[in-house]
Amino acid sequence: MAALNLEYQCAHCVVRFYVNENKLWHIDSMDRYKRH
């Protein structure tokens, strides 16, 4: 999961913040932020 998080972190800084706050963040939820 850490590897996936790193990819998202590079994609969006906002997603990185959420990931750090809630480590239980699901990829589906991150996908929503990515689409935004």
PDB file of N, CA and C in Angstrom:
ATOM      1  N   MET A   1       0.841  -1.194   0.000  1.00  0.00           N
ATOM      2  CA  MET A   1       0.000   0.000   0.000  1.00  0.00           C
ATOM      3  C   MET A   1       0.885   1.257   0.000  1.00  0.00           C
ATOM      4  N   ALA A   2       2.010   1.161   0.677  1.00  0.00           N
ATOM      5  CA  ALA A   2       2.905   2.329   0.739  1.00  0.00           C
ATOM      6  C   ALA A   2       3.318   2.753  -0.662  1.00  0.00           C
ATOM      7  N   ALA A   3       3.610   1.773  -1.518  1.00  0.00           N
ATOM      8  CA  ALA A   3       4.033   2.083  -2.886  1.00  0.00           C
ATOM      9  C   ALA A   3       2.920   2.855  -3.601  1.00  0.00           C
ATOM     10  N   LEU A   4       1.689   2.392  -3.464  1.00  0.00           N
ATOM     11  CA  LEU A   4       0.569   3.064  -4.123  1.00  0.00           C
ATOM     12  C   LEU A   4       0.442   4.495  -3.597  1.00  0.00           C
ATOM     13  N   ASN A   5       0.584   4.650  -2.286  1.00  0.00           N
ATOM     14  CA  ASN A   5       0.485   5.985  -1.696  1.00  0.00           C
ATOM     15  C   ASN A   5       1.513   6.918  -2.313  1.00  0.00           C
ATOM     16  N   LEU A   6       2.730   6.436  -2.497  1.00  0.00           N
ATOM     17  CA  LEU A   6       3.785   7.270  -3.083  1.00  0.00           C
ATOM     18  C   LEU A   6       3.362   7.754  -4.465  1.00  0.00           C
ATOM     19  N   GLU A   7       2.766   6.874  -5.254  1.00  0.00           N
ATOM     20  CA  GLU A   7       2.336   7.270  -6.601  1.00  0.00           C
ATOM     21  C   GLU A   7       1.312   8.399  -6.510  1.00  0.00           C
ATOM     22  N   TYR A   8       0.348   8.240  -5.620  1.00  0.00           N
ATOM     23  CA  TYR A   8      -0.681   9.263  -5.483  1.00  0.00           C
ATOM     24  C   TYR A   8      -0.080  10.561  -4.944  1.00  0.00           C
ATOM     25  N   GLN A   9       0.883  10.433  -4.030  1.00  0.00           N
ATOM     26  CA  GLN A   9       1.523  11.626  -3.478  1.00  0.00           C
ATOM     27  C   GLN A   9       2.126  12.455  -4.600  1.00  0.00           C
ATOM     28  N   CYS A  10       2.791  11.807  -5.526  1.00  0.00           N
ATOM     29  CA  CYS A  10       3.404  12.526  -6.649  1.00  0.00           C
ATOM     30  C   CYS A  10       2.319  13.122  -7.549  1.00  0.00           C
ATOM     31  N   ALA A  11       1.203  12.441  -7.639  1.00  0.00           N
ATOM     32  CA  ALA A  11       0.125  12.901  -8.508  1.00  0.00           C
ATOM     33  C   ALA A  11      -0.508  14.177  -7.947  1.00  0.00           C
ATOM     34  N   HIS A  12      -0.846  14.171  -6.659  1.00  0.00           N
ATOM     35  CA  HIS A  12      -1.492  15.348  -6.072  1.00  0.00           C
ATOM     36  C   HIS A  12      -1.022  15.554  -4.642  1.00  0.00           C
ATOM     37  N   CYS A  13      -0.615  16.760  -4.336  1.00  0.00           N
ATOM     38  CA  CYS A  13      -0.152  17.054  -2.966  1.00  0.00           C
ATOM     39  C   CYS A  13      -1.323  16.959  -1.988  1.00  0.00           C
ATOM     40  N   VAL A  14      -2.503  17.344  -2.447  1.00  0.00           N
ATOM     41  CA  VAL A  14      -3.685  17.297  -1.578  1.00  0.00           C
ATOM     42  C   VAL A  14      -3.943  15.871  -1.129  1.00  0.00           C
ATOM     43  N   VAL A  15      -3.835  14.943  -2.080  1.00  0.00           N
ATOM     44  CA  VAL A  15      -4.058  13.539  -1.752  1.00  0.00           C
ATOM     45  C   VAL A  15      -3.031  13.088  -0.724  1.00  0.00           C
ATOM     46  N   ARG A  16      -1.804  13.566  -0.887  1.00  0.00           N
ATOM     47  CA  ARG A  16      -0.734  13.204   0.040  1.00  0.00           C
ATOM     48  C   ARG A  16      -1.120  13.624   1.460  1.00  0.00           C
ATOM     49  N   PHE A  17      -1.657  14.826   1.613  1.00  0.00           N
ATOM     50  CA  PHE A  17      -2.052  15.327   2.927  1.00  0.00           C
ATOM     51  C   PHE A  17      -3.099  14.409   3.550  1.00  0.00           C
ATOM     52  N   TYR A  18      -4.102  14.062   2.762  1.00  0.00           N
ATOM     53  CA  TYR A  18      -5.158  13.191   3.261  1.00  0.00           C
ATOM     54  C   TYR A  18      -4.600  11.828   3.641  1.00  0.00           C
ATOM     55  N   VAL A  19      -3.686  11.313   2.817  1.00  0.00           N
ATOM     56  CA  VAL A  19      -3.084  10.000   3.087  1.00  0.00           C
ATOM     57  C   VAL A  19      -2.340  10.037   4.418  1.00  0.00           C
ATOM     58  N   ASN A  20      -1.608  11.124   4.655  1.00  0.00           N
ATOM     59  CA  ASN A  20      -0.853  11.234   5.901  1.00  0.00           C
ATOM     60  C   ASN A  20      -1.794  11.334   7.095  1.00  0.00           C
ATOM     61  N   GLU A  21      -2.863  12.095   6.951  1.00  0.00           N
ATOM     62  CA  GLU A  21      -3.828  12.252   8.045  1.00  0.00           C
ATOM     63  C   GLU A  21      -4.544  10.932   8.318  1.00  0.00           C
ATOM     64  N   ASN A  22      -5.091  10.326   7.268  1.00  0.00           N
ATOM     65  CA  ASN A  22      -5.809   9.051   7.418  1.00  0.00           C
ATOM     66  C   ASN A  22      -5.125   7.984   6.584  1.00  0.00           C
ATOM     67  N   LYS A  23      -4.348   7.149   7.253  1.00  0.00           N
ATOM     68  CA  LYS A  23      -3.622   6.115   6.525  1.00  0.00           C
ATOM     69  C   LYS A  23      -4.573   5.046   5.999  1.00  0.00           C
ATOM     70  N   LEU A  24      -5.793   5.045   6.499  1.00  0.00           N
ATOM     71  CA  LEU A  24      -6.761   4.041   6.057  1.00  0.00           C
ATOM     72  C   LEU A  24      -7.560   4.531   4.845  1.00  0.00           C
ATOM     73  N   TRP A  25      -7.025   5.579   4.175  1.00  0.00           N
ATOM     74  CA  TRP A  25      -7.722   6.120   3.001  1.00  0.00           C
ATOM     75  C   TRP A  25      -7.699   5.094   1.875  1.00  0.00           C
ATOM     76  N   HIS A  26      -8.844   4.842   1.258  1.00  0.00           N
ATOM     77  CA  HIS A  26      -8.916   3.837   0.203  1.00  0.00           C
ATOM     78  C   HIS A  26      -8.530   4.436  -1.150  1.00  0.00           C
ATOM     79  N   ILE A  27      -8.048   3.595  -2.047  1.00  0.00           N
ATOM     80  CA  ILE A  27      -7.646   4.057  -3.379  1.00  0.00           C
ATOM     81  C   ILE A  27      -8.851   4.664  -4.095  1.00  0.00           C
ATOM     82  N   ASP A  28     -10.041   4.073  -3.916  1.00  0.00           N
ATOM     83  CA  ASP A  28     -11.239   4.592  -4.587  1.00  0.00           C
ATOM     84  C   ASP A  28     -11.463   6.049  -4.199  1.00  0.00           C
ATOM     85  N   SER A  29     -11.335   6.361  -2.924  1.00  0.00           N
ATOM     86  CA  SER A  29     -11.533   7.736  -2.460  1.00  0.00           C
ATOM     87  C   SER A  29     -10.496   8.651  -3.097  1.00  0.00           C
ATOM     88  N   MET A  30      -9.240   8.187  -3.144  1.00  0.00           N
ATOM     89  CA  MET A  30      -8.180   9.006  -3.743  1.00  0.00           C
ATOM     90  C   MET A  30      -8.470   9.235  -5.221  1.00  0.00           C
ATOM     91  N   ASP A  31      -9.048   8.231  -5.876  1.00  0.00           N
ATOM     92  CA  ASP A  31      -9.370   8.386  -7.289  1.00  0.00           C
ATOM     93  C   ASP A  31     -10.328   9.558  -7.469  1.00  0.00           C
ATOM     94  N   ARG A  32     -11.258   9.718  -6.555  1.00  0.00           N
ATOM     95  CA  ARG A  32     -12.214  10.828  -6.653  1.00  0.00           C
ATOM     96  C   ARG A  32     -11.467  12.159  -6.638  1.00  0.00           C
ATOM     97  N   TYR A  33     -10.538  12.313  -5.695  1.00  0.00           N
ATOM     98  CA  TYR A  33      -9.775  13.572  -5.630  1.00  0.00           C
ATOM     99  C   TYR A  33      -8.955  13.763  -6.902  1.00  0.00           C
ATOM    100  N   LYS A  34      -8.434  12.648  -7.411  1.00  0.00           N
ATOM    101  CA  LYS A  34      -7.622  12.736  -8.622  1.00  0.00           C
ATOM    102  C   LYS A  34      -8.482  13.237  -9.788  1.00  0.00           C
ATOM    103  N   ARG A  35      -9.714  12.778  -9.886  1.00  0.00           N
ATOM    104  CA  ARG A  35     -10.599  13.209 -10.981  1.00  0.00           C
ATOM    105  C   ARG A  35     -10.944  14.679 -10.837  1.00  0.00           C
ATOM    106  N   HIS A  36     -11.083  15.158  -9.603  1.00  0.00           N
ATOM    107  CA  HIS A  36     -11.470  16.557  -9.375  1.00  0.00           C
ATOM    108  C   HIS A  36     -10.466  17.520 -10.001  1.00  0.00           C
TER     109      HIS A  36
END
